[in-house]
Amino acid sequence: MLELIILFKIANATNWILTIILVLVTGIIGAQLAKNQGGQILKKIHIDLSEGRLPGEELLNGLCVLIGGAFLIAPGVITDVLGLTLIFPATRIIYKNMIQNRNVNIFWIKE
């Protein structure tokens, strides 16, 4: 609901066409960013596996990028901000630390 209110406010401050363009452009840019980051993460996972290491850190990066990409494709300003922070490595660290510090079991497997 909050997303719609923000989009309506943007549309009223500018116009509907500009708002629709904004939503489309952020979706396209988000998909491209997610693709680029995802490709880099897959390369790092492959390197880790070929060197006999478990790619735990990179799997967590991949999960963040996947969720961030989905947020960027979804229309809305709040989801765009969350998506960008999940995709950029510098801000992705915040989410990774939250997951690791809270001992969140992201795969629902009991150890």
PDB file of N, CA and C in Angstrom:
ATOM      1  N   MET A   1       0.822  -1.186   0.000  1.00  0.00           N
ATOM      2  CA  MET A   1       0.000   0.000   0.000  1.00  0.00           C
ATOM      3  C   MET A   1       0.873   1.260   0.000  1.00  0.00           C
ATOM      4  N   LEU A   2       1.923   1.210   0.819  1.00  0.00           N
ATOM      5  CA  LEU A   2       2.830   2.351   0.897  1.00  0.00           C
ATOM      6  C   LEU A   2       3.504   2.610  -0.456  1.00  0.00           C
ATOM      7  N   GLU A   3       3.821   1.526  -1.163  1.00  0.00           N
ATOM      8  CA  GLU A   3       4.424   1.662  -2.497  1.00  0.00           C
ATOM      9  C   GLU A   3       3.498   2.438  -3.434  1.00  0.00           C
ATOM     10  N   LEU A   4       2.226   2.110  -3.419  1.00  0.00           N
ATOM     11  CA  LEU A   4       1.262   2.806  -4.278  1.00  0.00           C
ATOM     12  C   LEU A   4       1.142   4.275  -3.908  1.00  0.00           C
ATOM     13  N   ILE A   5       1.110   4.568  -2.621  1.00  0.00           N
ATOM     14  CA  ILE A   5       1.018   5.960  -2.180  1.00  0.00           C
ATOM     15  C   ILE A   5       2.213   6.759  -2.684  1.00  0.00           C
ATOM     16  N   ILE A   6       3.411   6.173  -2.558  1.00  0.00           N
ATOM     17  CA  ILE A   6       4.618   6.863  -3.033  1.00  0.00           C
ATOM     18  C   ILE A   6       4.568   7.063  -4.540  1.00  0.00           C
ATOM     19  N   LEU A   7       4.152   6.022  -5.277  1.00  0.00           N
ATOM     20  CA  LEU A   7       4.067   6.157  -6.736  1.00  0.00           C
ATOM     21  C   LEU A   7       3.038   7.223  -7.134  1.00  0.00           C
ATOM     22  N   PHE A   8       1.910   7.291  -6.434  1.00  0.00           N
ATOM     23  CA  PHE A   8       0.919   8.333  -6.724  1.00  0.00           C
ATOM     24  C   PHE A   8       1.472   9.724  -6.431  1.00  0.00           C
ATOM     25  N   LYS A   9       2.236   9.852  -5.353  1.00  0.00           N
ATOM     26  CA  LYS A   9       2.824  11.158  -5.023  1.00  0.00           C
ATOM     27  C   LYS A   9       3.846  11.579  -6.073  1.00  0.00           C
ATOM     28  N   ILE A  10       4.634  10.622  -6.541  1.00  0.00           N
ATOM     29  CA  ILE A  10       5.597  10.933  -7.604  1.00  0.00           C
ATOM     30  C   ILE A  10       4.857  11.339  -8.869  1.00  0.00           C
ATOM     31  N   ALA A  11       3.799  10.611  -9.202  1.00  0.00           N
ATOM     32  CA  ALA A  11       3.018  10.917 -10.402  1.00  0.00           C
ATOM     33  C   ALA A  11       2.365  12.290 -10.293  1.00  0.00           C
ATOM     34  N   ASN A  12       1.875  12.631  -9.109  1.00  0.00           N
ATOM     35  CA  ASN A  12       1.259  13.951  -8.932  1.00  0.00           C
ATOM     36  C   ASN A  12       2.285  15.071  -8.979  1.00  0.00           C
ATOM     37  N   ALA A  13       3.494  14.800  -8.480  1.00  0.00           N
ATOM     38  CA  ALA A  13       4.548  15.823  -8.495  1.00  0.00           C
ATOM     39  C   ALA A  13       5.126  16.000  -9.895  1.00  0.00           C
ATOM     40  N   THR A  14       5.134  14.940 -10.686  1.00  0.00           N
ATOM     41  CA  THR A  14       5.667  15.033 -12.049  1.00  0.00           C
ATOM     42  C   THR A  14       4.517  14.791 -13.023  1.00  0.00           C
ATOM     43  N   ASN A  15       4.472  13.598 -13.569  1.00  0.00           N
ATOM     44  CA  ASN A  15       3.332  13.156 -14.379  1.00  0.00           C
ATOM     45  C   ASN A  15       3.365  11.636 -14.468  1.00  0.00           C
ATOM     46  N   TRP A  16       2.271  11.054 -14.961  1.00  0.00           N
ATOM     47  CA  TRP A  16       2.152   9.595 -14.984  1.00  0.00           C
ATOM     48  C   TRP A  16       3.150   8.949 -15.928  1.00  0.00           C
ATOM     49  N   ILE A  17       3.401   9.579 -17.048  1.00  0.00           N
ATOM     50  CA  ILE A  17       4.322   8.992 -18.027  1.00  0.00           C
ATOM     51  C   ILE A  17       5.723   8.881 -17.439  1.00  0.00           C
ATOM     52  N   LEU A  18       6.161   9.939 -16.774  1.00  0.00           N
ATOM     53  CA  LEU A  18       7.484   9.921 -16.149  1.00  0.00           C
ATOM     54  C   LEU A  18       7.553   8.858 -15.045  1.00  0.00           C
ATOM     55  N   THR A  19       6.484   8.696 -14.304  1.00  0.00           N
ATOM     56  CA  THR A  19       6.439   7.690 -13.244  1.00  0.00           C
ATOM     57  C   THR A  19       6.518   6.284 -13.826  1.00  0.00           C
ATOM     58  N   ILE A  20       5.806   6.038 -14.896  1.00  0.00           N
ATOM     59  CA  ILE A  20       5.851   4.725 -15.548  1.00  0.00           C
ATOM     60  C   ILE A  20       7.239   4.463 -16.121  1.00  0.00           C
ATOM     61  N   ILE A  21       7.852   5.471 -16.704  1.00  0.00           N
ATOM     62  CA  ILE A  21       9.214   5.336 -17.224  1.00  0.00           C
ATOM     63  C   ILE A  21      10.181   5.013 -16.086  1.00  0.00           C
ATOM     64  N   LEU A  22      10.012   5.688 -14.953  1.00  0.00           N
ATOM     65  CA  LEU A  22      10.855   5.429 -13.786  1.00  0.00           C
ATOM     66  C   LEU A  22      10.745   3.973 -13.349  1.00  0.00           C
ATOM     67  N   VAL A  23       9.545   3.458 -13.275  1.00  0.00           N
ATOM     68  CA  VAL A  23       9.327   2.070 -12.869  1.00  0.00           C
ATOM     69  C   VAL A  23       9.962   1.111 -13.876  1.00  0.00           C
ATOM     70  N   LEU A  24       9.786   1.377 -15.158  1.00  0.00           N
ATOM     71  CA  LEU A  24      10.358   0.505 -16.187  1.00  0.00           C
ATOM     72  C   LEU A  24      11.882   0.543 -16.189  1.00  0.00           C
ATOM     73  N   VAL A  25      12.448   1.740 -16.073  1.00  0.00           N
ATOM     74  CA  VAL A  25      13.904   1.889 -16.111  1.00  0.00           C
ATOM     75  C   VAL A  25      14.550   1.210 -14.901  1.00  0.00           C
ATOM     76  N   THR A  26      13.966   1.379 -13.715  1.00  0.00           N
ATOM     77  CA  THR A  26      14.551   0.717 -12.546  1.00  0.00           C
ATOM     78  C   THR A  26      14.454  -0.798 -12.677  1.00  0.00           C
ATOM     79  N   GLY A  27      13.400  -1.302 -13.289  1.00  0.00           N
ATOM     80  CA  GLY A  27      13.289  -2.737 -13.523  1.00  0.00           C
ATOM     81  C   GLY A  27      14.352  -3.249 -14.470  1.00  0.00           C
ATOM     82  N   ILE A  28      14.582  -2.518 -15.540  1.00  0.00           N
ATOM     83  CA  ILE A  28      15.598  -2.918 -16.528  1.00  0.00           C
ATOM     84  C   ILE A  28      16.994  -2.834 -15.940  1.00  0.00           C
ATOM     85  N   ILE A  29      17.294  -1.726 -15.274  1.00  0.00           N
ATOM     86  CA  ILE A  29      18.613  -1.560 -14.649  1.00  0.00           C
ATOM     87  C   ILE A  29      18.810  -2.621 -13.569  1.00  0.00           C
ATOM     88  N   GLY A  30      17.767  -2.866 -12.784  1.00  0.00           N
ATOM     89  CA  GLY A  30      17.862  -3.876 -11.734  1.00  0.00           C
ATOM     90  C   GLY A  30      18.149  -5.257 -12.276  1.00  0.00           C
ATOM     91  N   ALA A  31      17.486  -5.618 -13.352  1.00  0.00           N
ATOM     92  CA  ALA A  31      17.719  -6.927 -13.962  1.00  0.00           C
ATOM     93  C   ALA A  31      19.151  -7.038 -14.475  1.00  0.00           C
ATOM     94  N   GLN A  32      19.653  -5.969 -15.066  1.00  0.00           N
ATOM     95  CA  GLN A  32      21.032  -5.975 -15.577  1.00  0.00           C
ATOM     96  C   GLN A  32      22.048  -6.049 -14.433  1.00  0.00           C
ATOM     97  N   LEU A  33      21.826  -5.280 -13.378  1.00  0.00           N
ATOM     98  CA  LEU A  33      22.730  -5.320 -12.222  1.00  0.00           C
ATOM     99  C   LEU A  33      22.736  -6.704 -11.581  1.00  0.00           C
ATOM    100  N   ALA A  34      21.556  -7.284 -11.421  1.00  0.00           N
ATOM    101  CA  ALA A  34      21.458  -8.616 -10.824  1.00  0.00           C
ATOM    102  C   ALA A  34      22.172  -9.648 -11.699  1.00  0.00           C
ATOM    103  N   LYS A  35      22.026  -9.516 -13.002  1.00  0.00           N
ATOM    104  CA  LYS A  35      22.684 -10.443 -13.927  1.00  0.00           C
ATOM    105  C   LYS A  35      24.202 -10.332 -13.815  1.00  0.00           C
ATOM    106  N   ASN A  36      24.706  -9.102 -13.792  1.00  0.00           N
ATOM    107  CA  ASN A  36      26.157  -8.893 -13.695  1.00  0.00           C
ATOM    108  C   ASN A  36      26.710  -9.416 -12.373  1.00  0.00           C
ATOM    109  N   GLN A  37      26.077  -9.043 -11.266  1.00  0.00           N
ATOM    110  CA  GLN A  37      26.537  -9.497  -9.962  1.00  0.00           C
ATOM    111  C   GLN A  37      26.403 -11.011  -9.833  1.00  0.00           C
ATOM    112  N   GLY A  38      25.305 -11.550 -10.332  1.00  0.00           N
ATOM    113  CA  GLY A  38      25.103 -12.996 -10.281  1.00  0.00           C
ATOM    114  C   GLY A  38      26.177 -13.754 -11.044  1.00  0.00           C
ATOM    115  N   GLY A  39      26.557 -13.228 -12.194  1.00  0.00           N
ATOM    116  CA  GLY A  39      27.621 -13.860 -12.984  1.00  0.00           C
ATOM    117  C   GLY A  39      28.947 -13.864 -12.247  1.00  0.00           C
ATOM    118  N   GLN A  40      29.266 -12.749 -11.598  1.00  0.00           N
ATOM    119  CA  GLN A  40      30.511 -12.674 -10.820  1.00  0.00           C
ATOM    120  C   GLN A  40      30.486 -13.655  -9.652  1.00  0.00           C
ATOM    121  N   ILE A  41      29.333 -13.758  -9.010  1.00  0.00           N
ATOM    122  CA  ILE A  41      29.209 -14.679  -7.874  1.00  0.00           C
ATOM    123  C   ILE A  41      29.344 -16.123  -8.340  1.00  0.00           C
ATOM    124  N   LEU A  42      28.725 -16.458  -9.475  1.00  0.00           N
ATOM    125  CA  LEU A  42      28.849 -17.825 -10.001  1.00  0.00           C
ATOM    126  C   LEU A  42      30.304 -18.178 -10.313  1.00  0.00           C
ATOM    127  N   LYS A  43      31.058 -17.216 -10.848  1.00  0.00           N
ATOM    128  CA  LYS A  43      32.482 -17.460 -11.119  1.00  0.00           C
ATOM    129  C   LYS A  43      33.235 -17.739  -9.826  1.00  0.00           C
ATOM    130  N   LYS A  44      32.939 -16.965  -8.772  1.00  0.00           N
ATOM    131  CA  LYS A  44      33.610 -17.174  -7.484  1.00  0.00           C
ATOM    132  C   LYS A  44      33.223 -18.521  -6.872  1.00  0.00           C
ATOM    133  N   ILE A  45      31.968 -18.921  -7.025  1.00  0.00           N
ATOM    134  CA  ILE A  45      31.533 -20.228  -6.529  1.00  0.00           C
ATOM    135  C   ILE A  45      32.289 -21.337  -7.257  1.00  0.00           C
ATOM    136  N   HIS A  46      32.416 -21.189  -8.562  1.00  0.00           N
ATOM    137  CA  HIS A  46      33.133 -22.189  -9.357  1.00  0.00           C
ATOM    138  C   HIS A  46      34.599 -22.283  -8.913  1.00  0.00           C
ATOM    139  N   ILE A  47      35.225 -21.140  -8.672  1.00  0.00           N
ATOM    140  CA  ILE A  47      36.622 -21.130  -8.217  1.00  0.00           C
ATOM    141  C   ILE A  47      36.746 -21.806  -6.859  1.00  0.00           C
ATOM    142  N   ASP A  48      35.850 -21.443  -5.937  1.00  0.00           N
ATOM    143  CA  ASP A  48      35.890 -22.062  -4.604  1.00  0.00           C
ATOM    144  C   ASP A  48      35.743 -23.581  -4.698  1.00  0.00           C
ATOM    145  N   LEU A  49      34.782 -24.039  -5.489  1.00  0.00           N
ATOM    146  CA  LEU A  49      34.562 -25.478  -5.622  1.00  0.00           C
ATOM    147  C   LEU A  49      35.753 -26.181  -6.275  1.00  0.00           C
ATOM    148  N   SER A  50      36.351 -25.541  -7.283  1.00  0.00           N
ATOM    149  CA  SER A  50      37.495 -26.160  -7.959  1.00  0.00           C
ATOM    150  C   SER A  50      38.717 -26.228  -7.049  1.00  0.00           C
ATOM    151  N   GLU A  51      38.771 -25.339  -6.045  1.00  0.00           N
ATOM    152  CA  GLU A  51      39.879 -25.355  -5.084  1.00  0.00           C
ATOM    153  C   GLU A  51      39.538 -26.163  -3.840  1.00  0.00           C
ATOM    154  N   GLY A  52      38.377 -26.832  -3.846  1.00  0.00           N
ATOM    155  CA  GLY A  52      38.009 -27.702  -2.747  1.00  0.00           C
ATOM    156  C   GLY A  52      37.433 -26.983  -1.531  1.00  0.00           C
ATOM    157  N   ARG A  53      37.029 -25.735  -1.690  1.00  0.00           N
ATOM    158  CA  ARG A  53      36.440 -24.979  -0.578  1.00  0.00           C
ATOM    159  C   ARG A  53      34.931 -24.922  -0.735  1.00  0.00           C
ATOM    160  N   LEU A  54      34.239 -24.878   0.387  1.00  0.00           N
ATOM    161  CA  LEU A  54      32.794 -24.686   0.349  1.00  0.00           C
ATOM    162  C   LEU A  54      32.505 -23.207   0.103  1.00  0.00           C
ATOM    163  N   PRO A  55      31.629 -22.891  -0.841  1.00  0.00           N
ATOM    164  CA  PRO A  55      31.378 -21.484  -1.196  1.00  0.00           C
ATOM    165  C   PRO A  55      30.272 -20.835  -0.343  1.00  0.00           C
ATOM    166  N   GLY A  56      30.327 -21.014   0.965  1.00  0.00           N
ATOM    167  CA  GLY A  56      29.272 -20.499   1.838  1.00  0.00           C
ATOM    168  C   GLY A  56      29.050 -19.007   1.706  1.00  0.00           C
ATOM    169  N   GLU A  57      30.120 -18.247   1.717  1.00  0.00           N
ATOM    170  CA  GLU A  57      30.022 -16.787   1.601  1.00  0.00           C
ATOM    171  C   GLU A  57      29.388 -16.381   0.271  1.00  0.00           C
ATOM    172  N   GLU A  58      29.800 -17.040  -0.795  1.00  0.00           N
ATOM    173  CA  GLU A  58      29.283 -16.698  -2.114  1.00  0.00           C
ATOM    174  C   GLU A  58      27.833 -17.149  -2.284  1.00  0.00           C
ATOM    175  N   LEU A  59      27.457 -18.243  -1.646  1.00  0.00           N
ATOM    176  CA  LEU A  59      26.055 -18.654  -1.703  1.00  0.00           C
ATOM    177  C   LEU A  59      25.169 -17.620  -1.011  1.00  0.00           C
ATOM    178  N   LEU A  60      25.650 -17.053   0.083  1.00  0.00           N
ATOM    179  CA  LEU A  60      24.914 -15.999   0.767  1.00  0.00           C
ATOM    180  C   LEU A  60      24.839 -14.747  -0.102  1.00  0.00           C
ATOM    181  N   ASN A  61      25.938 -14.418  -0.786  1.00  0.00           N
ATOM    182  CA  ASN A  61      25.923 -13.306  -1.741  1.00  0.00           C
ATOM    183  C   ASN A  61      24.906 -13.553  -2.841  1.00  0.00           C
ATOM    184  N   GLY A  62      24.887 -14.776  -3.353  1.00  0.00           N
ATOM    185  CA  GLY A  62      23.949 -15.126  -4.416  1.00  0.00           C
ATOM    186  C   GLY A  62      22.502 -14.993  -3.974  1.00  0.00           C
ATOM    187  N   LEU A  63      22.218 -15.410  -2.755  1.00  0.00           N
ATOM    188  CA  LEU A  63      20.862 -15.281  -2.227  1.00  0.00           C
ATOM    189  C   LEU A  63      20.460 -13.809  -2.135  1.00  0.00           C
ATOM    190  N   CYS A  64      21.358 -12.973  -1.639  1.00  0.00           N
ATOM    191  CA  CYS A  64      21.074 -11.535  -1.529  1.00  0.00           C
ATOM    192  C   CYS A  64      20.824 -10.916  -2.906  1.00  0.00           C
ATOM    193  N   VAL A  65      21.641 -11.280  -3.884  1.00  0.00           N
ATOM    194  CA  VAL A  65      21.484 -10.732  -5.235  1.00  0.00           C
ATOM    195  C   VAL A  65      20.179 -11.219  -5.853  1.00  0.00           C
ATOM    196  N   LEU A  66      19.827 -12.461  -5.638  1.00  0.00           N
ATOM    197  CA  LEU A  66      18.574 -12.994  -6.167  1.00  0.00           C
ATOM    198  C   LEU A  66      17.373 -12.235  -5.592  1.00  0.00           C
ATOM    199  N   ILE A  67      17.361 -12.047  -4.291  1.00  0.00           N
ATOM    200  CA  ILE A  67      16.269 -11.312  -3.654  1.00  0.00           C
ATOM    201  C   ILE A  67      16.278  -9.854  -4.106  1.00  0.00           C
ATOM    202  N   GLY A  68      17.472  -9.257  -4.179  1.00  0.00           N
ATOM    203  CA  GLY A  68      17.580  -7.871  -4.638  1.00  0.00           C
ATOM    204  C   GLY A  68      17.092  -7.684  -6.061  1.00  0.00           C
ATOM    205  N   GLY A  69      17.409  -8.625  -6.922  1.00  0.00           N
ATOM    206  CA  GLY A  69      16.935  -8.563  -8.303  1.00  0.00           C
ATOM    207  C   GLY A  69      15.423  -8.647  -8.391  1.00  0.00           C
ATOM    208  N   ALA A  70      14.848  -9.511  -7.589  1.00  0.00           N
ATOM    209  CA  ALA A  70      13.381  -9.629  -7.565  1.00  0.00           C
ATOM    210  C   ALA A  70      12.745  -8.330  -7.076  1.00  0.00           C
ATOM    211  N   PHE A  71      13.347  -7.716  -6.057  1.00  0.00           N
ATOM    212  CA  PHE A  71      12.834  -6.434  -5.559  1.00  0.00           C
ATOM    213  C   PHE A  71      12.917  -5.348  -6.632  1.00  0.00           C
ATOM    214  N   LEU A  72      14.005  -5.339  -7.396  1.00  0.00           N
ATOM    215  CA  LEU A  72      14.166  -4.305  -8.421  1.00  0.00           C
ATOM    216  C   LEU A  72      13.212  -4.485  -9.590  1.00  0.00           C
ATOM    217  N   ILE A  73      12.870  -5.696  -9.883  1.00  0.00           N
ATOM    218  CA  ILE A  73      11.932  -5.940 -10.979  1.00  0.00           C
ATOM    219  C   ILE A  73      10.514  -5.552 -10.572  1.00  0.00           C
ATOM    220  N   ALA A  74      10.192  -5.733  -9.292  1.00  0.00           N
ATOM    221  CA  ALA A  74       8.865  -5.352  -8.793  1.00  0.00           C
ATOM    222  C   ALA A  74       8.735  -3.830  -8.811  1.00  0.00           C
ATOM    223  N   PRO A  75       7.599  -3.310  -9.254  1.00  0.00           N
ATOM    224  CA  PRO A  75       7.436  -1.860  -9.292  1.00  0.00           C
ATOM    225  C   PRO A  75       7.301  -1.269  -7.890  1.00  0.00           C
ATOM    226  N   GLY A  76       7.982  -0.160  -7.668  1.00  0.00           N
ATOM    227  CA  GLY A  76       7.881   0.525  -6.390  1.00  0.00           C
ATOM    228  C   GLY A  76       9.197   1.147  -5.984  1.00  0.00           C
ATOM    229  N   VAL A  77       9.112   2.175  -5.193  1.00  0.00           N
ATOM    230  CA  VAL A  77      10.301   2.908  -4.767  1.00  0.00           C
ATOM    231  C   VAL A  77      10.985   2.201  -3.600  1.00  0.00           C
ATOM    232  N   ILE A  78      10.221   1.750  -2.632  1.00  0.00           N
ATOM    233  CA  ILE A  78      10.798   1.079  -1.469  1.00  0.00           C
ATOM    234  C   ILE A  78      11.495  -0.209  -1.885  1.00  0.00           C
ATOM    235  N   THR A  79      10.844  -0.996  -2.731  1.00  0.00           N
ATOM    236  CA  THR A  79      11.461  -2.236  -3.192  1.00  0.00           C
ATOM    237  C   THR A  79      12.710  -1.957  -4.031  1.00  0.00           C
ATOM    238  N   ASP A  80      12.718  -0.851  -4.764  1.00  0.00           N
ATOM    239  CA  ASP A  80      13.908  -0.485  -5.540  1.00  0.00           C
ATOM    240  C   ASP A  80      15.084  -0.171  -4.618  1.00  0.00           C
ATOM    241  N   VAL A  81      14.828   0.576  -3.567  1.00  0.00           N
ATOM    242  CA  VAL A  81      15.900   0.921  -2.624  1.00  0.00           C
ATOM    243  C   VAL A  81      16.425  -0.341  -1.943  1.00  0.00           C
ATOM    244  N   LEU A  82      15.525  -1.194  -1.478  1.00  0.00           N
ATOM    245  CA  LEU A  82      15.948  -2.452  -0.852  1.00  0.00           C
ATOM    246  C   LEU A  82      16.721  -3.318  -1.849  1.00  0.00           C
ATOM    247  N   GLY A  83      16.214  -3.392  -3.071  1.00  0.00           N
ATOM    248  CA  GLY A  83      16.878  -4.196  -4.094  1.00  0.00           C
ATOM    249  C   GLY A  83      18.285  -3.718  -4.393  1.00  0.00           C
ATOM    250  N   LEU A  84      18.455  -2.415  -4.530  1.00  0.00           N
ATOM    251  CA  LEU A  84      19.787  -1.873  -4.802  1.00  0.00           C
ATOM    252  C   LEU A  84      20.757  -2.148  -3.660  1.00  0.00           C
ATOM    253  N   THR A  85      20.266  -2.010  -2.430  1.00  0.00           N
ATOM    254  CA  THR A  85      21.158  -2.265  -1.296  1.00  0.00           C
ATOM    255  C   THR A  85      21.522  -3.742  -1.176  1.00  0.00           C
ATOM    256  N   LEU A  86      20.669  -4.625  -1.671  1.00  0.00           N
ATOM    257  CA  LEU A  86      20.998  -6.054  -1.671  1.00  0.00           C
ATOM    258  C   LEU A  86      21.954  -6.426  -2.797  1.00  0.00           C
ATOM    259  N   ILE A  87      21.935  -5.675  -3.880  1.00  0.00           N
ATOM    260  CA  ILE A  87      22.778  -6.016  -5.028  1.00  0.00           C
ATOM    261  C   ILE A  87      24.187  -5.446  -4.912  1.00  0.00           C
ATOM    262  N   PHE A  88      24.318  -4.213  -4.436  1.00  0.00           N
ATOM    263  CA  PHE A  88      25.655  -3.605  -4.338  1.00  0.00           C
ATOM    264  C   PHE A  88      26.458  -4.259  -3.220  1.00  0.00           C
ATOM    265  N   PRO A  89      27.677  -4.725  -3.537  1.00  0.00           N
ATOM    266  CA  PRO A  89      28.479  -5.435  -2.531  1.00  0.00           C
ATOM    267  C   PRO A  89      28.725  -4.634  -1.246  1.00  0.00           C
ATOM    268  N   ALA A  90      28.915  -3.339  -1.358  1.00  0.00           N
ATOM    269  CA  ALA A  90      29.219  -2.528  -0.169  1.00  0.00           C
ATOM    270  C   ALA A  90      28.065  -2.504   0.823  1.00  0.00           C
ATOM    271  N   THR A  91      26.833  -2.487   0.337  1.00  0.00           N
ATOM    272  CA  THR A  91      25.683  -2.464   1.240  1.00  0.00           C
ATOM    273  C   THR A  91      25.120  -3.860   1.497  1.00  0.00           C
ATOM    274  N   ARG A  92      25.460  -4.803   0.649  1.00  0.00           N
ATOM    275  CA  ARG A  92      25.019  -6.192   0.846  1.00  0.00           C
ATOM    276  C   ARG A  92      25.580  -6.755   2.143  1.00  0.00           C
ATOM    277  N   ILE A  93      26.727  -6.258   2.548  1.00  0.00           N
ATOM    278  CA  ILE A  93      27.379  -6.715   3.780  1.00  0.00           C
ATOM    279  C   ILE A  93      26.450  -6.551   4.974  1.00  0.00           C
ATOM    280  N   ILE A  94      25.667  -5.491   4.990  1.00  0.00           N
ATOM    281  CA  ILE A  94      24.741  -5.236   6.095  1.00  0.00           C
ATOM    282  C   ILE A  94      23.771  -6.403   6.243  1.00  0.00           C
ATOM    283  N   TYR A  95      23.182  -6.831   5.140  1.00  0.00           N
ATOM    284  CA  TYR A  95      22.214  -7.924   5.184  1.00  0.00           C
ATOM    285  C   TYR A  95      22.885  -9.247   5.543  1.00  0.00           C
ATOM    286  N   LYS A  96      24.068  -9.466   4.991  1.00  0.00           N
ATOM    287  CA  LYS A  96      24.781 -10.705   5.299  1.00  0.00           C
ATOM    288  C   LYS A  96      25.116 -10.772   6.787  1.00  0.00           C
ATOM    289  N   ASN A  97      25.545  -9.664   7.356  1.00  0.00           N
ATOM    290  CA  ASN A  97      25.846  -9.634   8.795  1.00  0.00           C
ATOM    291  C   ASN A  97      24.592  -9.875   9.622  1.00  0.00           C
ATOM    292  N   MET A  98      23.468  -9.305   9.193  1.00  0.00           N
ATOM    293  CA  MET A  98      22.217  -9.529   9.917  1.00  0.00           C
ATOM    294  C   MET A  98      21.851 -11.012   9.918  1.00  0.00           C
ATOM    295  N   ILE A  99      21.994 -11.654   8.776  1.00  0.00           N
ATOM    296  CA  ILE A  99      21.665 -13.077   8.675  1.00  0.00           C
ATOM    297  C   ILE A  99      22.628 -13.900   9.527  1.00  0.00           C
ATOM    298  N   GLN A 100      23.915 -13.600   9.441  1.00  0.00           N
ATOM    299  CA  GLN A 100      24.906 -14.382  10.173  1.00  0.00           C
ATOM    300  C   GLN A 100      24.831 -14.139  11.679  1.00  0.00           C
ATOM    301  N   ASN A 101      24.603 -12.909  12.108  1.00  0.00           N
ATOM    302  CA  ASN A 101      24.571 -12.589  13.540  1.00  0.00           C
ATOM    303  C   ASN A 101      23.318 -13.085  14.228  1.00  0.00           C
ATOM    304  N   ARG A 102      22.236 -13.193  13.518  1.00  0.00           N
ATOM    305  CA  ARG A 102      20.992 -13.676  14.114  1.00  0.00           C
ATOM    306  C   ARG A 102      20.861 -15.182  13.997  1.00  0.00           C
ATOM    307  N   ASN A 103      21.888 -15.804  13.425  1.00  0.00           N
ATOM    308  CA  ASN A 103      21.885 -17.244  13.251  1.00  0.00           C
ATOM    309  C   ASN A 103      20.615 -17.706  12.529  1.00  0.00           C
ATOM    310  N   VAL A 104      20.265 -16.983  11.476  1.00  0.00           N
ATOM    311  CA  VAL A 104      19.086 -17.317  10.683  1.00  0.00           C
ATOM    312  C   VAL A 104      19.423 -18.502   9.799  1.00  0.00           C
ATOM    313  N   ASN A 105      18.612 -19.522   9.866  1.00  0.00           N
ATOM    314  CA  ASN A 105      18.822 -20.694   9.039  1.00  0.00           C
ATOM    315  C   ASN A 105      18.041 -20.492   7.751  1.00  0.00           C
ATOM    316  N   ILE A 106      18.707 -19.977   6.713  1.00  0.00           N
ATOM    317  CA  ILE A 106      18.013 -19.591   5.493  1.00  0.00           C
ATOM    318  C   ILE A 106      17.556 -20.773   4.656  1.00  0.00           C
ATOM    319  N   PHE A 107      18.068 -21.957   4.950  1.00  0.00           N
ATOM    320  CA  PHE A 107      17.672 -23.117   4.158  1.00  0.00           C
ATOM    321  C   PHE A 107      16.743 -24.044   4.934  1.00  0.00           C
ATOM    322  N   TRP A 108      16.322 -23.640   6.117  1.00  0.00           N
ATOM    323  CA  TRP A 108      15.358 -24.368   6.930  1.00  0.00           C
ATOM    324  C   TRP A 108      15.827 -25.803   7.231  1.00  0.00           C
ATOM    325  N   ILE A 109      17.128 -25.966   7.370  1.00  0.00           N
ATOM    326  CA  ILE A 109      17.682 -27.268   7.695  1.00  0.00           C
ATOM    327  C   ILE A 109      18.199 -27.189   9.133  1.00  0.00           C
ATOM    328  N   LYS A 110      17.752 -28.100   9.964  1.00  0.00           N
ATOM    329  CA  LYS A 110      18.219 -28.103  11.349  1.00  0.00           C
ATOM    330  C   LYS A 110      19.561 -28.808  11.402  1.00  0.00           C
ATOM    331  N   GLU A 111      20.454 -28.197  12.160  1.00  0.00           N
ATOM    332  CA  GLU A 111      21.787 -28.782  12.302  1.00  0.00           C
ATOM    333  C   GLU A 111      21.917 -29.479  13.628  1.00  0.00           C
TER     334      GLU A 111
END
